Every structure is written in C-alpha cells, then in structure tokens.
C-alpha cells in the first residue's frame, strides 16, 4: 500500500452497494484498520481466525443495551425526579436524554466505521492529535475510569445480595461481607472473560434477557395495578397517577420537594433541568464501549450503525416506559425518596417476596454491566499495549507478531509528507469525508 491510501466502505443503506471513499489516510494507520481480533488459540483453524466466534449484530446490540440497562434504570429515577417540577417533565427529560444519546452514539459510530479498530476513542485521538493524547486517554481510562466503574457496579451487586442474605434488626450490613462479595464477583467475571470472548459475549446475551424481563415485569405490574387496582395487602394502591396533574409544578414540601417550583426563576429552573438531564444521560449511557471492540465485529461497517439504531431506541423506550410504570405503581413521594425503586415496586405489589425477587433481578442486571466493563477493559488494555502505551507483556504471545510495533515517538507513527502540514481539524474532516 502506498503512503497515500484509501479505504472503501460499503454503504449499507443503499442496495446498489454504493461505496464511500476516504482518501489520503496515513499508510501506518490504514495498515492497522483491520487489525487481528483478540481471538484465543482454540478459536483458530488452519491458521485463520474462526469468524463465527466474533461479535455478531446481536452481540453488539446486547452490549449496547446491556451496558445502558444496568443499575441506573432502577436508581436514577429518584435523582431525575428531584430536579424536575413534575412527573410529566421527568418523562420529557428521559425522552430527551434518549435523543441526545442517539445523536452521540450515531456520531461515534461514524468514527467506528471509518476506523474499525479495537481501542475506540484511543485510536481516534491517536490519528487526529497523535500518540500523546491517545496515551493520556488510555492511562485515564485504564487507571481511573474503568476500575472505578467496575468497583462501583460490583459494590452495588454485593450490596443487593448482602441485603438478601443478611437480615439484621437494625438493617446494617457487615462492611467486610459487602467488600468480600464484591471482590469474589469481580474475580468470577474475570475468569469468565479469561476463558474467551465467546463465553463473555454469551454471558452478556444471557443477562440481556434478564434485564428485558425485569423491565417487562415492571410494565406488567403497572398494567395490573391499573386494571385490578389493589396492593400487596389487598388495599387500594396509590392513585397519584390518576387523580393528579402530571405536569402541575410542585410546591415546597409536596411529594418531599425541597423547592417551590411555582416561584422558581427561569435560570434556576434551567439549572435543575440540566442536572436532571445529566442524571438521565448517565443512567442511559455506555454506548461508547461498543467502539472499543470494533475489530472484534464480523462486519463493523454494517453491524455497528445498525446496532446503534436498534439498541439506543430500545434503551430509550425501556427507560420511558419503566418510569411511567414507576409513577403508576408507587406513590410519587416514595419514588422521589427511594434509591431502590424496583425493590419498592416489588414490595408495594407483592410484599416481601416481590422485594426479594426484584433485588435478585437488579443484581443480575448489575452483573451484566460488570461483565461488559471487564470485557471492554481487557480489549482496551491489549490495544494500548500494541501501541506501546502499556507494557508489551500484556499482549497475548500468539498475537504479538501480528500487532503493530510500539512507536518510540509521535512523529515515527506518521507519514511526514502527508500529515505534518495538516491541522487536527483537517485530519478529522479527512477521516469522515466521503465522495
């Protein structure tokens, strides 16, 4: 391949097979665009990777939905509700968060299609800004963001199970037990991922059914409450959803509100709504993890955009319908004050057994997020080691000969004749331009 090459990408939206051309990409970058996926020795037949063991469209869809539907859908509703004037506005915020996330995921998918490589954002920063920016991003994610995410999710998982296994009159949980259970859980998930990518993606797909079943169960309960109208003790359930205006601003102390929304200034209102939108975006995020494993996909050019356009609407619909169900099943004041809303739903409708059942389902949802975090973290580490940002021993021995050699300097990773005179903005335009 010459120093000035081109990548031809099939346009999956046109039946004629129209091709997009991205010109003048650096030869060193192009040589890695279809890098060898991280497949273990038993996934190789006659010296060639077995493509059936790579990520299919459903596996990518499961990764997007599985990462978004974690603990957030069962905890963040109270945080969103506390920063909006009414339940109706909360539903609007959840819908808006879905649209904003969809635009972000679509834009990120454009980058993934143009450069289908493991590492995601690391590779885009490396191409546009150089090795320094890419290595800084890698160290931030590997040392801080990913370990913190894994620790938080494992602690939530352990907290739910400790509540199930340990019953104390005071409601206190043994500190050491929560930590120990979290560490054991992380160890088991690490072991599953060490077995291979197929086992990890299989666990993700299995837990996806658990997540969607939990959402479906909540919706069925909401419909039952509307149709039958009774609680776990045989009494009438809360009728806030039926007797009150969904868009009426709350007054101070109404539903536990600490703000008088009827007298709030415009700027203060915008500040609260921004906080609510941020909480909703945090709860429904995680779609950027898909680009970390672009080289593991069977056909990233076709499957990455499709998975985004199927997965993000699925997540948005689940969040909106689930929140509508919350406001229907439990009192609005309880929703605002609870950080374990799904468990409150179970207790409200089915008593102690319902609370226990939802605690198990929510913990399974957290386990799915933990598995995806560990899987994508491992691929990011190996992709970083290929560029010399992390020690070379982190690369699988059978894969080292196929990996790009670590660069000693920023300039050595580029073709000076084609890149030195171009700005970062022009490189990004060059990467995404087509004709």
Protein backbone atom coordinates (compact mmCIF):
# COMPACT_ATOMS: atom_id res chain seq x y z
CA UNK A 1 0.00 0.00 0.00
CA UNK A 2 1.31 3.45 -0.84
CA UNK A 3 1.79 6.26 1.67
CA UNK A 4 -1.46 7.70 0.43
CA UNK A 5 -4.11 5.07 0.54
CA UNK A 6 -7.85 4.83 0.59
CA UNK A 7 -10.43 2.83 2.45
CA UNK A 8 -13.59 1.78 0.72
CA UNK A 9 -16.61 1.36 2.92
CA UNK A 10 -19.78 -0.27 1.70
CA UNK A 11 -22.85 1.90 2.09
CA UNK A 12 -25.27 -0.41 3.87
CA UNK A 13 -28.21 1.93 3.29
CA UNK A 14 -28.17 1.55 -0.50
CA UNK A 15 -28.97 -1.70 -2.24
CA UNK A 16 -26.76 -0.79 -5.19
CA UNK A 17 -23.68 -1.25 -2.96
CA UNK A 18 -22.51 2.32 -3.34
CA UNK A 19 -19.02 2.79 -1.92
CA UNK A 20 -17.63 5.59 0.16
CA UNK A 21 -14.02 6.53 -0.26
CA UNK A 22 -11.82 8.09 2.39
CA UNK A 23 -8.69 9.39 0.75
CA UNK A 24 -5.17 10.21 1.86
CA UNK A 25 -5.17 8.26 5.11
CA UNK A 26 -1.72 7.59 6.51
CA UNK A 27 -0.33 4.20 5.47
CA UNK A 28 0.58 3.27 9.03
CA UNK A 29 -2.96 3.96 10.21
CA UNK A 30 -4.50 2.06 7.31
CA UNK A 31 -2.34 -0.98 7.87
CA UNK A 32 -3.91 -1.35 11.31
CA UNK A 33 -7.54 -0.56 10.41
CA UNK A 34 -8.41 -4.23 10.07
CA UNK A 35 -6.21 -5.45 12.89
CA UNK A 36 -6.31 -9.03 14.06
CA UNK A 37 -9.09 -9.50 16.63
CA UNK A 38 -8.23 -10.81 20.07
CA UNK A 39 -9.08 -14.46 19.44
CA UNK A 40 -7.53 -17.21 21.53
CA UNK A 41 -5.62 -20.21 20.11
CA UNK A 42 -8.64 -22.51 20.24
CA UNK A 43 -10.53 -20.03 18.07
CA UNK A 44 -8.08 -20.50 15.17
CA UNK A 45 -8.48 -23.15 12.50
CA UNK A 46 -5.75 -23.84 9.92
CA UNK A 47 -4.02 -20.67 11.00
CA UNK A 48 -7.05 -18.49 10.26
CA UNK A 49 -9.48 -16.92 12.79
CA UNK A 50 -12.90 -18.53 13.04
CA UNK A 51 -15.23 -15.64 12.24
CA UNK A 52 -18.23 -17.35 13.85
CA UNK A 53 -16.59 -16.64 17.20
CA UNK A 54 -16.53 -12.89 16.55
CA UNK A 55 -19.23 -10.46 17.58
CA UNK A 56 -22.45 -10.67 15.58
CA UNK A 57 -25.07 -7.95 15.22
CA UNK A 58 -26.99 -9.41 18.16
CA UNK A 59 -23.84 -9.50 20.33
CA UNK A 60 -23.22 -5.80 19.64
CA UNK A 61 -26.87 -4.99 20.30
CA UNK A 62 -26.66 -6.90 23.58
CA UNK A 63 -23.56 -4.94 24.53
CA UNK A 64 -25.27 -1.57 23.93
CA UNK A 65 -28.50 -2.46 25.72
CA UNK A 66 -26.72 -4.43 28.44
CA UNK A 67 -24.42 -1.54 29.29
CA UNK A 68 -27.23 1.03 29.36
CA UNK A 69 -29.77 -1.01 31.31
CA UNK A 70 -27.81 -1.55 34.49
CA UNK A 71 -28.36 -0.14 37.95
CA UNK A 72 -29.25 3.32 36.61
CA UNK A 73 -32.74 2.44 35.44
CA UNK A 74 -33.50 1.21 38.95
CA UNK A 75 -31.79 4.03 40.89
CA UNK A 76 -31.57 7.23 38.82
CA UNK A 77 -35.34 7.94 38.53
CA UNK A 78 -35.31 9.48 42.01
CA UNK A 79 -32.37 11.73 41.06
CA UNK A 80 -34.13 12.90 37.93
CA UNK A 81 -37.42 13.42 39.77
CA UNK A 82 -35.78 15.60 42.43
CA UNK A 83 -34.64 18.09 39.75
CA UNK A 84 -37.87 18.44 37.76
CA UNK A 85 -41.07 20.30 38.69
CA UNK A 86 -43.44 17.43 37.83
CA UNK A 87 -43.57 13.75 36.83
CA UNK A 88 -44.58 14.72 33.30
CA UNK A 89 -41.42 16.78 32.93
CA UNK A 90 -39.39 13.81 34.18
CA UNK A 91 -40.76 11.71 31.31
CA UNK A 92 -39.82 14.51 28.89
CA UNK A 93 -36.27 14.55 30.31
CA UNK A 94 -35.90 10.78 29.87
CA UNK A 95 -37.10 11.07 26.26
CA UNK A 96 -34.73 13.96 25.57
CA UNK A 97 -31.82 12.02 27.08
CA UNK A 98 -32.57 9.18 24.69
CA UNK A 99 -32.50 11.50 21.68
CA UNK A 100 -29.25 13.16 22.81
CA UNK A 101 -27.67 9.77 23.42
CA UNK A 102 -28.81 8.58 20.00
CA UNK A 103 -27.11 11.52 18.26
CA UNK A 104 -23.91 10.94 20.23
CA UNK A 105 -23.89 7.21 19.53
CA UNK A 106 -24.53 7.81 15.82
CA UNK A 107 -21.63 10.24 15.60
CA UNK A 108 -19.37 7.80 17.42
CA UNK A 109 -20.48 5.01 15.10
CA UNK A 110 -19.31 7.15 12.14
CA UNK A 111 -15.82 7.13 13.63
CA UNK A 112 -16.02 3.40 14.31
CA UNK A 113 -16.97 2.67 10.71
CA UNK A 114 -14.22 4.90 9.33
CA UNK A 115 -11.62 3.29 11.60
CA UNK A 116 -12.85 -0.17 12.73
CA UNK A 117 -10.14 -0.84 15.30
CA UNK A 118 -10.01 -2.00 18.89
CA UNK A 119 -9.48 0.89 21.30
CA UNK A 120 -12.24 3.24 20.19
CA UNK A 121 -11.55 6.78 21.33
CA UNK A 122 -7.87 5.98 21.80
CA UNK A 123 -7.48 5.31 18.09
CA UNK A 124 -9.36 8.43 17.02
CA UNK A 125 -7.30 10.66 19.30
CA UNK A 126 -4.12 8.99 18.07
CA UNK A 127 -4.99 9.62 14.44
CA UNK A 128 -6.07 13.25 14.94
CA UNK A 129 -3.81 14.50 17.74
CA UNK A 130 -1.02 11.96 18.00
CA UNK A 131 0.33 9.44 20.49
CA UNK A 132 0.49 11.84 23.45
CA UNK A 133 -3.26 12.50 23.53
CA UNK A 134 -4.04 8.81 22.91
CA UNK A 135 -1.72 7.61 25.67
CA UNK A 136 -3.14 10.13 28.15
CA UNK A 137 -6.67 8.95 27.35
CA UNK A 138 -5.54 5.33 27.78
CA UNK A 139 -3.99 5.88 31.18
CA UNK A 140 -7.01 7.85 32.43
CA UNK A 141 -9.38 5.07 31.37
CA UNK A 142 -7.21 2.14 32.48
CA UNK A 143 -6.10 3.61 35.82
CA UNK A 144 -9.21 5.58 36.85
CA UNK A 145 -12.42 5.34 34.83
CA UNK A 146 -12.70 1.62 34.15
CA UNK A 147 -11.52 0.39 37.59
CA UNK A 148 -13.84 2.88 39.31
CA UNK A 149 -16.77 1.74 37.17
CA UNK A 150 -16.04 -1.92 37.90
CA UNK A 151 -15.71 -1.20 41.63
CA UNK A 152 -18.99 0.76 41.81
CA UNK A 153 -21.04 -1.83 39.92
CA UNK A 154 -19.58 -4.74 41.90
CA UNK A 155 -20.35 -2.93 45.16
CA UNK A 156 -23.97 -2.36 44.06
CA UNK A 157 -24.24 -6.05 43.17
CA UNK A 158 -22.76 -7.08 46.51
CA UNK A 159 -24.98 -4.63 48.40
CA UNK A 160 -28.14 -6.14 46.90
CA UNK A 161 -27.08 -9.69 47.68
CA UNK A 162 -25.98 -8.79 51.21
CA UNK A 163 -29.45 -7.36 51.77
CA UNK A 164 -30.89 -10.68 50.62
CA UNK A 165 -28.57 -12.96 52.61
CA UNK A 166 -28.17 -10.96 55.82
CA UNK A 167 -31.19 -9.95 57.88
CA UNK A 168 -30.46 -7.77 60.91
CA UNK A 169 -32.91 -5.88 63.14
CA UNK A 170 -31.03 -2.62 62.55
CA UNK A 171 -30.76 -3.11 58.80
CA UNK A 172 -26.98 -2.69 58.91
CA UNK A 173 -24.82 -4.81 56.62
CA UNK A 174 -21.39 -6.19 57.57
CA UNK A 175 -18.83 -3.96 55.88
CA UNK A 176 -16.39 -6.81 55.30
CA UNK A 177 -19.05 -9.03 53.73
CA UNK A 178 -20.02 -6.46 51.10
CA UNK A 179 -16.36 -5.93 50.15
CA UNK A 180 -15.61 -9.65 50.07
CA UNK A 181 -18.63 -10.47 47.93
CA UNK A 182 -17.72 -7.64 45.52
CA UNK A 183 -14.17 -8.96 45.13
CA UNK A 184 -15.38 -12.53 44.58
CA UNK A 185 -17.83 -11.32 41.94
CA UNK A 186 -15.12 -9.41 40.06
CA UNK A 187 -12.88 -12.49 40.22
CA UNK A 188 -15.59 -14.74 38.74
CA UNK A 189 -16.30 -12.29 35.92
CA UNK A 190 -12.58 -12.01 35.20
CA UNK A 191 -12.39 -15.80 34.99
CA UNK A 192 -15.29 -15.93 32.53
CA UNK A 193 -13.55 -13.35 30.33
CA UNK A 194 -10.25 -15.22 30.53
CA UNK A 195 -11.95 -18.30 29.07
CA UNK A 196 -12.60 -16.34 25.88
CA UNK A 197 -14.60 -13.68 24.12
CA UNK A 198 -17.28 -16.21 23.22
CA UNK A 199 -18.04 -17.01 26.86
CA UNK A 200 -18.13 -13.31 27.74
CA UNK A 201 -20.48 -12.40 24.89
CA UNK A 202 -22.63 -15.42 25.77
CA UNK A 203 -22.97 -14.21 29.36
CA UNK A 204 -23.82 -10.71 28.11
CA UNK A 205 -26.53 -12.06 25.81
CA UNK A 206 -27.98 -14.27 28.57
CA UNK A 207 -28.13 -11.42 31.08
CA UNK A 208 -29.73 -9.21 28.43
CA UNK A 209 -32.82 -11.42 28.59
CA UNK A 210 -32.83 -10.98 32.37
CA UNK A 211 -32.71 -7.18 32.04
CA UNK A 212 -35.50 -7.03 29.48
CA UNK A 213 -37.56 -9.50 31.54
CA UNK A 214 -37.23 -7.22 34.57
CA UNK A 215 -38.44 -4.22 32.57
CA UNK A 216 -41.30 -6.30 31.12
CA UNK A 217 -42.30 -7.50 34.59
CA UNK A 218 -42.45 -3.93 35.88
CA UNK A 219 -44.67 -2.95 32.95
CA UNK A 220 -46.97 -5.94 33.53
CA UNK A 221 -47.29 -4.99 37.19
CA UNK A 222 -48.16 -1.41 36.20
CA UNK A 223 -50.87 -2.63 33.85
CA UNK A 224 -52.20 -4.93 36.57
CA UNK A 225 -52.36 -2.05 39.04
CA UNK A 226 -54.32 0.00 36.53
CA UNK A 227 -56.69 -2.88 35.71
CA UNK A 228 -57.15 -4.55 39.10
CA UNK A 229 -56.32 -1.69 41.49
CA UNK A 230 -55.08 -3.37 44.63
CA UNK A 231 -51.80 -3.56 46.54
CA UNK A 232 -49.95 -6.45 48.20
CA UNK A 233 -52.12 -6.17 51.33
CA UNK A 234 -55.38 -6.07 49.39
CA UNK A 235 -55.80 -2.32 49.83
CA UNK A 236 -56.17 0.18 47.03
CA UNK A 237 -52.84 1.24 45.54
CA UNK A 238 -51.75 4.89 45.32
CA UNK A 239 -53.82 6.81 42.80
CA UNK A 240 -51.46 9.76 42.26
CA UNK A 241 -51.18 8.82 38.59
CA UNK A 242 -54.95 9.02 38.21
CA UNK A 243 -56.02 11.89 40.47
CA UNK A 244 -53.22 14.43 39.95
CA UNK A 245 -51.97 16.57 37.06
CA UNK A 246 -48.76 15.06 35.68
CA UNK A 247 -47.43 18.47 34.59
CA UNK A 248 -48.50 20.63 37.56
CA UNK A 249 -45.44 22.24 39.26
CA UNK A 250 -44.92 21.02 42.81
CA UNK A 251 -45.00 23.38 45.75
CA UNK A 252 -42.45 23.17 48.53
CA UNK A 253 -42.79 20.03 50.71
CA UNK A 254 -45.18 18.46 48.20
CA UNK A 255 -44.00 14.89 47.48
CA UNK A 256 -40.94 15.69 49.58
CA UNK A 257 -39.84 18.52 47.31
CA UNK A 258 -37.35 20.98 48.82
CA UNK A 259 -38.03 23.52 46.06
CA UNK A 260 -41.10 25.64 45.38
CA UNK A 261 -41.30 25.15 41.65
CA UNK A 262 -44.13 27.66 41.27
CA UNK A 263 -41.85 30.58 42.24
CA UNK A 264 -38.54 29.41 40.77
CA UNK A 265 -36.71 31.78 38.41
CA UNK A 266 -36.01 30.78 34.81
CA UNK A 267 -32.26 30.40 35.36
CA UNK A 268 -32.72 28.26 38.46
CA UNK A 269 -35.22 26.12 36.58
CA UNK A 270 -32.76 25.61 33.72
CA UNK A 271 -30.09 24.63 36.22
CA UNK A 272 -32.29 21.96 37.78
CA UNK A 273 -33.39 20.64 34.39
CA UNK A 274 -29.75 20.42 33.30
CA UNK A 275 -28.93 18.36 36.37
CA UNK A 276 -31.88 16.10 35.63
CA UNK A 277 -30.77 15.64 32.02
CA UNK A 278 -27.24 14.83 33.14
CA UNK A 279 -28.54 12.16 35.54
CA UNK A 280 -30.66 10.64 32.76
CA UNK A 281 -27.72 10.66 30.33
CA UNK A 282 -25.53 8.97 32.92
CA UNK A 283 -28.13 6.26 33.52
CA UNK A 284 -28.65 5.51 29.81
CA UNK A 285 -25.02 5.88 28.70
CA UNK A 286 -22.37 3.28 27.92
CA UNK A 287 -22.80 3.14 24.14
CA UNK A 288 -19.20 4.38 23.65
CA UNK A 289 -17.96 0.98 24.85
CA UNK A 290 -19.05 -0.57 21.54
CA UNK A 291 -16.29 1.22 19.62
CA UNK A 292 -13.68 -0.28 21.94
CA UNK A 293 -14.30 -3.67 20.32
CA UNK A 294 -14.82 -2.64 16.68
CA UNK A 295 -12.16 -5.06 15.38
CA UNK A 296 -13.95 -7.95 17.11
CA UNK A 297 -17.07 -7.46 14.96
CA UNK A 298 -17.78 -9.66 11.96
CA UNK A 299 -18.78 -6.68 9.83
CA UNK A 300 -18.35 -3.36 11.66
CA UNK A 301 -19.29 -1.29 8.61
CA UNK A 302 -22.70 -2.91 8.50
CA UNK A 303 -23.33 -4.00 12.11
CA UNK A 304 -22.06 -1.00 14.11
CA UNK A 305 -24.57 1.55 12.72
CA UNK A 306 -27.39 -0.99 12.77
CA UNK A 307 -26.75 -1.93 16.38
CA UNK A 308 -26.80 1.74 17.38
CA UNK A 309 -30.05 2.45 15.53
CA UNK A 310 -31.69 -0.60 17.09
CA UNK A 311 -30.10 -0.52 20.53
CA UNK A 312 -30.46 3.15 21.53
CA UNK A 313 -34.21 3.30 20.71
CA UNK A 314 -34.65 0.07 22.69
CA UNK A 315 -32.93 1.63 25.69
CA UNK A 316 -34.94 4.87 25.40
CA UNK A 317 -38.26 3.03 25.15
CA UNK A 318 -37.37 0.87 28.16
CA UNK A 319 -36.43 3.89 30.28
CA UNK A 320 -39.53 5.91 29.36
CA UNK A 321 -41.99 3.03 29.86
CA UNK A 322 -40.31 1.93 33.08
CA UNK A 323 -40.53 5.41 34.56
CA UNK A 324 -44.19 5.65 33.54
CA UNK A 325 -44.70 2.36 35.38
CA UNK A 326 -42.92 3.66 38.47
CA UNK A 327 -45.18 6.70 38.66
CA UNK A 328 -48.19 4.42 38.26
CA UNK A 329 -47.30 1.77 40.83
CA UNK A 330 -45.84 3.62 43.81
CA UNK A 331 -46.63 6.97 45.49
CA UNK A 332 -44.80 9.88 43.90
CA UNK A 333 -43.28 10.84 47.24
CA UNK A 334 -41.82 7.34 47.71
CA UNK A 335 -40.33 7.45 44.22
CA UNK A 336 -38.53 10.71 44.98
CA UNK A 337 -37.05 9.36 48.22
CA UNK A 338 -36.10 5.82 47.13
CA UNK A 339 -32.75 4.73 45.66
CA UNK A 340 -34.01 1.18 45.12
CA UNK A 341 -37.21 1.83 43.21
CA UNK A 342 -37.53 -1.61 41.63
CA UNK A 343 -37.41 -3.22 45.08
CA UNK A 344 -40.03 -0.71 46.28
CA UNK A 345 -42.22 -1.73 43.34
CA UNK A 346 -41.93 -5.40 44.33
CA UNK A 347 -42.77 -4.70 47.95
CA UNK A 348 -45.69 -2.44 47.03
CA UNK A 349 -47.32 -5.06 44.83
CA UNK A 350 -46.14 -8.46 46.09
CA UNK A 351 -44.86 -7.82 49.59
CA UNK A 352 -41.53 -9.15 50.90
CA UNK A 353 -41.28 -11.86 48.24
CA UNK A 354 -41.66 -9.25 45.50
CA UNK A 355 -38.92 -7.12 47.00
CA UNK A 356 -36.63 -10.15 47.19
CA UNK A 357 -37.37 -11.12 43.58
CA UNK A 358 -36.60 -7.66 42.24
CA UNK A 359 -33.42 -7.46 44.32
CA UNK A 360 -32.19 -10.61 42.55
CA UNK A 361 -33.18 -9.29 39.11
CA UNK A 362 -31.47 -5.93 39.70
CA UNK A 363 -28.30 -7.66 40.90
CA UNK A 364 -28.30 -9.76 37.70
CA UNK A 365 -28.59 -6.54 35.72
CA UNK A 366 -25.56 -5.15 37.55
CA UNK A 367 -23.66 -8.37 36.80
CA UNK A 368 -24.27 -7.82 33.08
CA UNK A 369 -22.80 -4.31 33.24
CA UNK A 370 -19.82 -5.63 35.21
CA UNK A 371 -19.14 -8.30 32.58
CA UNK A 372 -19.22 -5.75 29.75
CA UNK A 373 -16.93 -3.40 31.69
CA UNK A 374 -14.36 -6.16 32.24
CA UNK A 375 -14.58 -7.34 28.62
CA UNK A 376 -14.10 -3.91 27.07
CA UNK A 377 -11.38 -3.02 29.60
CA UNK A 378 -9.34 -6.06 28.60
CA UNK A 379 -9.55 -5.20 24.92
CA UNK A 380 -8.58 -1.57 25.60
CA UNK A 381 -5.53 -2.73 27.57
CA UNK A 382 -4.33 -5.01 24.76
CA UNK A 383 -5.00 -2.36 22.10
CA UNK A 384 -2.97 0.13 24.16
CA UNK A 385 -0.11 -2.33 24.61
CA UNK A 386 0.03 -2.78 20.84
CA UNK A 387 0.94 0.89 20.51
CA UNK A 388 3.43 0.84 23.38
CA UNK A 389 1.27 2.85 25.80
CA UNK A 390 1.27 -0.12 28.21
CA UNK A 391 3.87 -2.90 28.72
CA UNK A 392 4.17 -5.38 25.85
CA UNK A 393 3.73 -8.44 28.10
CA UNK A 394 0.01 -7.58 28.28
CA UNK A 395 -0.37 -8.75 24.67
CA UNK A 396 -1.22 -12.41 24.13
CA UNK A 397 2.03 -14.14 22.91
CA UNK A 398 0.37 -15.66 19.81
CA UNK A 399 -0.86 -12.19 18.85
CA UNK A 400 2.37 -10.23 19.26
CA UNK A 401 3.79 -10.99 15.83
CA UNK A 402 0.58 -9.68 14.25
CA UNK A 403 0.49 -6.49 16.32
CA UNK A 404 1.88 -3.11 15.25
CA UNK A 405 5.28 -2.42 16.77
CA UNK A 406 5.29 0.14 19.59
CA UNK A 407 6.27 3.59 18.37
CA UNK A 408 9.15 5.30 20.05
CA UNK A 409 7.96 8.79 19.16
CA UNK A 410 4.92 10.58 17.88
CA UNK A 411 6.43 11.52 14.54
CA UNK A 412 7.54 7.97 13.76
CA UNK A 413 3.93 6.81 13.64
CA UNK A 414 3.03 9.08 10.75
CA UNK A 415 3.96 9.72 7.17
CA UNK A 416 5.51 13.21 7.39
CA UNK A 417 4.78 14.08 3.79
CA UNK A 418 1.03 13.65 4.22
CA UNK A 419 0.41 14.58 7.84
CA UNK A 420 2.86 17.21 9.10
CA UNK A 421 1.16 20.18 7.45
CA UNK A 422 -2.39 19.22 8.38
CA UNK A 423 -4.30 20.55 11.37
CA UNK A 424 -6.25 18.35 13.77
CA UNK A 425 -9.50 19.64 12.30
CA UNK A 426 -8.48 18.77 8.76
CA UNK A 427 -7.49 15.26 9.83
CA UNK A 428 -10.91 14.69 11.35
CA UNK A 429 -12.62 16.02 8.22
CA UNK A 430 -10.37 13.80 6.11
CA UNK A 431 -11.27 10.76 8.18
CA UNK A 432 -15.03 11.26 7.87
CA UNK A 433 -15.22 12.80 4.39
CA UNK A 434 -16.55 10.77 1.52
CA UNK A 435 -17.31 11.21 -2.14
